[in-house]
Amino acid sequence: MHLISRKALREFWEQHPDSQSSLIHWANAMEKNDFNSFAQLKRAMPTADLVGDLIVFNIGGNKYRLIASIHFNRGKVYVRHIFTHRDYDKGTWKL
């Protein structure tokens, strides 16, 4: 999969240094695989949840949430948001 954008990951871990290794692990896993469907992704990453058109990943032992838009047919992963669990629970990202 082609990941767009690592910059968002880097900016987040600069603010939350303990997230760096988990975000790098997630990014590497995404880039090393070619997922053809959400079902295939879910088998490889069981914490992924489909919320509307977006996919939410638990990162760092559920301390953080990464929200991505994945276009399986084009092999592209767009990082939309990364939140602490507390900020994610506020739900403002759904607006």
N, C-alpha and C. Protein backbone atom coordinates (compact mmCIF):
# COMPACT_ATOMS: atom_id res chain seq x y z
N MET A 1 0.85 -1.17 0.00
CA MET A 1 0.00 0.00 0.00
C MET A 1 0.90 1.24 0.00
N HIS A 2 0.41 2.28 -0.62
CA HIS A 2 1.14 3.54 -0.65
C HIS A 2 0.58 4.45 0.44
N LEU A 3 1.42 4.83 1.38
CA LEU A 3 1.00 5.62 2.55
C LEU A 3 1.16 7.11 2.28
N ILE A 4 0.06 7.83 2.50
CA ILE A 4 0.04 9.29 2.36
C ILE A 4 -0.59 9.83 3.65
N SER A 5 0.02 10.44 4.55
CA SER A 5 1.37 10.94 4.52
C SER A 5 2.08 10.58 5.81
N ARG A 6 3.33 10.23 5.68
CA ARG A 6 4.17 9.96 6.86
C ARG A 6 4.38 11.25 7.66
N LYS A 7 4.26 12.38 7.01
CA LYS A 7 4.46 13.67 7.70
C LYS A 7 3.50 13.81 8.88
N ALA A 8 2.26 13.42 8.69
CA ALA A 8 1.26 13.50 9.78
C ALA A 8 1.69 12.63 10.96
N LEU A 9 2.24 11.47 10.66
CA LEU A 9 2.72 10.58 11.72
C LEU A 9 3.87 11.25 12.48
N ARG A 10 4.81 11.78 11.73
CA ARG A 10 5.99 12.43 12.33
C ARG A 10 5.58 13.62 13.20
N GLU A 11 4.66 14.43 12.71
CA GLU A 11 4.20 15.59 13.48
C GLU A 11 3.52 15.15 14.77
N PHE A 12 2.78 14.05 14.72
CA PHE A 12 2.10 13.57 15.92
C PHE A 12 3.12 13.05 16.93
N TRP A 13 4.08 12.24 16.48
CA TRP A 13 5.01 11.67 17.46
C TRP A 13 5.97 12.72 18.01
N GLU A 14 6.11 13.83 17.32
CA GLU A 14 6.90 14.93 17.90
C GLU A 14 6.18 15.51 19.13
N GLN A 15 4.86 15.49 19.10
CA GLN A 15 4.06 15.97 20.23
C GLN A 15 3.86 14.88 21.28
N HIS A 16 3.87 13.62 20.85
CA HIS A 16 3.64 12.46 21.72
C HIS A 16 4.73 11.43 21.43
N PRO A 17 5.93 11.66 21.96
CA PRO A 17 7.09 10.81 21.64
C PRO A 17 6.87 9.31 21.90
N ASP A 18 6.05 8.97 22.87
CA ASP A 18 5.83 7.54 23.15
C ASP A 18 5.04 6.83 22.06
N SER A 19 4.47 7.59 21.11
CA SER A 19 3.72 6.99 20.01
C SER A 19 4.60 6.62 18.82
N GLN A 20 5.84 7.09 18.80
CA GLN A 20 6.68 6.94 17.62
C GLN A 20 6.86 5.49 17.18
N SER A 21 7.26 4.62 18.07
CA SER A 21 7.52 3.23 17.66
C SER A 21 6.24 2.55 17.16
N SER A 22 5.12 2.82 17.80
CA SER A 22 3.85 2.21 17.37
C SER A 22 3.42 2.75 16.01
N LEU A 23 3.60 4.03 15.77
CA LEU A 23 3.22 4.61 14.48
C LEU A 23 4.14 4.11 13.37
N ILE A 24 5.42 3.98 13.66
CA ILE A 24 6.35 3.44 12.65
C ILE A 24 5.98 1.99 12.34
N HIS A 25 5.66 1.22 13.36
CA HIS A 25 5.26 -0.18 13.16
C HIS A 25 4.00 -0.25 12.29
N TRP A 26 3.01 0.59 12.58
CA TRP A 26 1.77 0.61 11.78
C TRP A 26 2.08 0.99 10.33
N ALA A 27 2.88 2.04 10.14
CA ALA A 27 3.20 2.49 8.79
C ALA A 27 3.93 1.41 8.00
N ASN A 28 4.89 0.76 8.63
CA ASN A 28 5.61 -0.32 7.95
C ASN A 28 4.69 -1.46 7.58
N ALA A 29 3.79 -1.81 8.47
CA ALA A 29 2.83 -2.90 8.19
C ALA A 29 1.93 -2.54 7.02
N MET A 30 1.51 -1.28 6.96
CA MET A 30 0.65 -0.85 5.86
C MET A 30 1.41 -0.88 4.54
N GLU A 31 2.65 -0.40 4.56
CA GLU A 31 3.43 -0.30 3.31
C GLU A 31 3.90 -1.66 2.80
N LYS A 32 4.04 -2.62 3.68
CA LYS A 32 4.54 -3.94 3.27
C LYS A 32 3.43 -4.88 2.78
N ASN A 33 2.19 -4.43 2.85
CA ASN A 33 1.07 -5.28 2.46
C ASN A 33 0.26 -4.63 1.36
N ASP A 34 -0.42 -5.46 0.61
CA ASP A 34 -1.37 -4.99 -0.40
C ASP A 34 -2.73 -5.54 -0.03
N PHE A 35 -3.45 -4.78 0.77
CA PHE A 35 -4.78 -5.21 1.20
C PHE A 35 -5.78 -4.92 0.08
N ASN A 36 -6.60 -5.91 -0.23
CA ASN A 36 -7.59 -5.75 -1.29
C ASN A 36 -8.97 -5.42 -0.77
N SER A 37 -9.16 -5.55 0.54
CA SER A 37 -10.49 -5.29 1.12
C SER A 37 -10.34 -5.03 2.61
N PHE A 38 -11.41 -4.50 3.21
CA PHE A 38 -11.39 -4.29 4.65
C PHE A 38 -11.29 -5.63 5.38
N ALA A 39 -11.95 -6.65 4.88
CA ALA A 39 -11.91 -7.97 5.52
C ALA A 39 -10.48 -8.50 5.58
N GLN A 40 -9.73 -8.33 4.52
CA GLN A 40 -8.34 -8.77 4.49
C GLN A 40 -7.50 -7.94 5.46
N LEU A 41 -7.74 -6.64 5.51
CA LEU A 41 -7.03 -5.78 6.46
C LEU A 41 -7.34 -6.18 7.89
N LYS A 42 -8.61 -6.44 8.17
CA LYS A 42 -9.06 -6.80 9.52
C LYS A 42 -8.40 -8.10 10.00
N ARG A 43 -8.19 -9.04 9.09
CA ARG A 43 -7.51 -10.28 9.48
C ARG A 43 -6.07 -10.00 9.91
N ALA A 44 -5.42 -9.07 9.26
CA ALA A 44 -4.03 -8.74 9.59
C ALA A 44 -3.93 -7.78 10.77
N MET A 45 -4.93 -6.91 10.91
CA MET A 45 -4.93 -5.90 11.97
C MET A 45 -6.29 -5.92 12.67
N PRO A 46 -6.46 -6.83 13.60
CA PRO A 46 -7.77 -7.04 14.23
C PRO A 46 -8.36 -5.84 14.96
N THR A 47 -7.53 -4.85 15.32
CA THR A 47 -8.09 -3.69 16.03
C THR A 47 -8.67 -2.65 15.09
N ALA A 48 -8.56 -2.86 13.80
CA ALA A 48 -9.12 -1.92 12.83
C ALA A 48 -10.65 -1.99 12.86
N ASP A 49 -11.26 -0.81 12.85
CA ASP A 49 -12.73 -0.72 12.82
C ASP A 49 -13.17 0.19 11.70
N LEU A 50 -14.21 -0.21 11.02
CA LEU A 50 -14.79 0.59 9.96
C LEU A 50 -15.82 1.54 10.57
N VAL A 51 -15.61 2.84 10.41
CA VAL A 51 -16.52 3.85 10.93
C VAL A 51 -16.91 4.74 9.75
N GLY A 52 -18.09 4.50 9.21
CA GLY A 52 -18.48 5.20 7.99
C GLY A 52 -17.57 4.78 6.86
N ASP A 53 -16.98 5.76 6.19
CA ASP A 53 -16.04 5.48 5.09
C ASP A 53 -14.59 5.43 5.56
N LEU A 54 -14.38 5.61 6.85
CA LEU A 54 -13.03 5.67 7.39
C LEU A 54 -12.70 4.43 8.21
N ILE A 55 -11.42 4.20 8.40
CA ILE A 55 -10.98 3.07 9.20
C ILE A 55 -10.20 3.61 10.38
N VAL A 56 -10.56 3.14 11.57
CA VAL A 56 -9.94 3.60 12.81
C VAL A 56 -9.06 2.48 13.34
N PHE A 57 -7.81 2.84 13.66
CA PHE A 57 -6.84 1.89 14.20
C PHE A 57 -6.49 2.28 15.63
N ASN A 58 -6.41 1.30 16.50
CA ASN A 58 -5.88 1.51 17.85
C ASN A 58 -4.37 1.46 17.74
N ILE A 59 -3.72 2.45 18.30
CA ILE A 59 -2.27 2.57 18.22
C ILE A 59 -1.71 2.65 19.64
N GLY A 60 -0.60 2.01 19.86
CA GLY A 60 0.08 2.10 21.15
C GLY A 60 -0.73 1.55 22.29
N GLY A 61 -1.28 0.36 22.10
CA GLY A 61 -2.06 -0.27 23.17
C GLY A 61 -3.35 0.48 23.46
N ASN A 62 -3.95 1.06 22.43
CA ASN A 62 -5.22 1.77 22.53
C ASN A 62 -5.07 3.15 23.18
N LYS A 63 -3.84 3.63 23.27
CA LYS A 63 -3.61 4.96 23.82
C LYS A 63 -3.90 6.05 22.78
N TYR A 64 -3.72 5.69 21.52
CA TYR A 64 -3.94 6.62 20.41
C TYR A 64 -4.86 6.00 19.38
N ARG A 65 -5.47 6.86 18.58
CA ARG A 65 -6.33 6.40 17.48
C ARG A 65 -5.88 7.06 16.19
N LEU A 66 -5.70 6.26 15.18
CA LEU A 66 -5.35 6.76 13.86
C LEU A 66 -6.54 6.53 12.94
N ILE A 67 -6.93 7.57 12.25
CA ILE A 67 -8.07 7.49 11.34
C ILE A 67 -7.54 7.63 9.91
N ALA A 68 -7.88 6.67 9.08
CA ALA A 68 -7.38 6.65 7.71
C ALA A 68 -8.50 6.42 6.72
N SER A 69 -8.29 6.94 5.55
CA SER A 69 -9.15 6.64 4.41
C SER A 69 -8.33 5.71 3.52
N ILE A 70 -8.86 4.54 3.27
CA ILE A 70 -8.11 3.57 2.47
C ILE A 70 -8.87 3.26 1.19
N HIS A 71 -8.18 3.43 0.09
CA HIS A 71 -8.73 3.12 -1.23
C HIS A 71 -8.09 1.81 -1.67
N PHE A 72 -8.75 0.73 -1.35
CA PHE A 72 -8.21 -0.60 -1.62
C PHE A 72 -7.96 -0.82 -3.11
N ASN A 73 -8.85 -0.29 -3.95
CA ASN A 73 -8.72 -0.49 -5.39
C ASN A 73 -7.51 0.22 -5.98
N ARG A 74 -7.03 1.26 -5.31
CA ARG A 74 -5.86 2.01 -5.79
C ARG A 74 -4.62 1.76 -4.95
N GLY A 75 -4.78 1.03 -3.85
CA GLY A 75 -3.65 0.72 -2.99
C GLY A 75 -3.10 1.93 -2.25
N LYS A 76 -4.00 2.84 -1.86
CA LYS A 76 -3.57 4.06 -1.18
C LYS A 76 -4.19 4.18 0.20
N VAL A 77 -3.37 4.64 1.14
CA VAL A 77 -3.80 4.87 2.53
C VAL A 77 -3.55 6.34 2.85
N TYR A 78 -4.62 7.06 3.15
CA TYR A 78 -4.52 8.47 3.50
C TYR A 78 -4.73 8.62 5.00
N VAL A 79 -3.71 9.13 5.69
CA VAL A 79 -3.84 9.39 7.12
C VAL A 79 -4.67 10.67 7.26
N ARG A 80 -5.83 10.56 7.89
CA ARG A 80 -6.72 11.72 8.06
C ARG A 80 -6.49 12.41 9.40
N HIS A 81 -6.40 11.64 10.47
CA HIS A 81 -6.23 12.21 11.81
C HIS A 81 -5.51 11.20 12.69
N ILE A 82 -4.83 11.74 13.69
CA ILE A 82 -4.29 10.91 14.77
C ILE A 82 -4.64 11.65 16.06
N PHE A 83 -5.21 10.93 16.99
CA PHE A 83 -5.67 11.54 18.24
C PHE A 83 -5.20 10.72 19.43
N THR A 84 -5.15 11.40 20.58
CA THR A 84 -5.08 10.64 21.82
C THR A 84 -6.45 10.00 21.97
N HIS A 85 -6.55 8.97 22.77
CA HIS A 85 -7.84 8.31 22.96
C HIS A 85 -8.86 9.30 23.51
N ARG A 86 -8.44 10.15 24.43
CA ARG A 86 -9.35 11.14 25.02
C ARG A 86 -9.91 12.09 23.96
N ASP A 87 -9.04 12.62 23.09
CA ASP A 87 -9.50 13.53 22.04
C ASP A 87 -10.38 12.81 21.02
N TYR A 88 -10.05 11.57 20.71
CA TYR A 88 -10.88 10.78 19.80
C TYR A 88 -12.28 10.64 20.35
N ASP A 89 -12.39 10.36 21.64
CA ASP A 89 -13.70 10.15 22.26
C ASP A 89 -14.59 11.38 22.23
N LYS A 90 -14.01 12.55 22.06
CA LYS A 90 -14.82 13.77 21.94
C LYS A 90 -15.67 13.75 20.68
N GLY A 91 -15.24 13.01 19.68
CA GLY A 91 -16.03 12.82 18.47
C GLY A 91 -16.04 13.96 17.48
N THR A 92 -15.27 15.00 17.72
CA THR A 92 -15.29 16.15 16.82
C THR A 92 -14.77 15.81 15.42
N TRP A 93 -14.01 14.75 15.29
CA TRP A 93 -13.47 14.36 13.99
C TRP A 93 -14.56 13.86 13.04
N LYS A 94 -15.70 13.49 13.60
CA LYS A 94 -16.79 12.95 12.77
C LYS A 94 -17.56 14.04 12.03
N LEU A 95 -17.34 15.29 12.42
CA LEU A 95 -18.09 16.40 11.81
C LEU A 95 -17.65 16.68 10.40
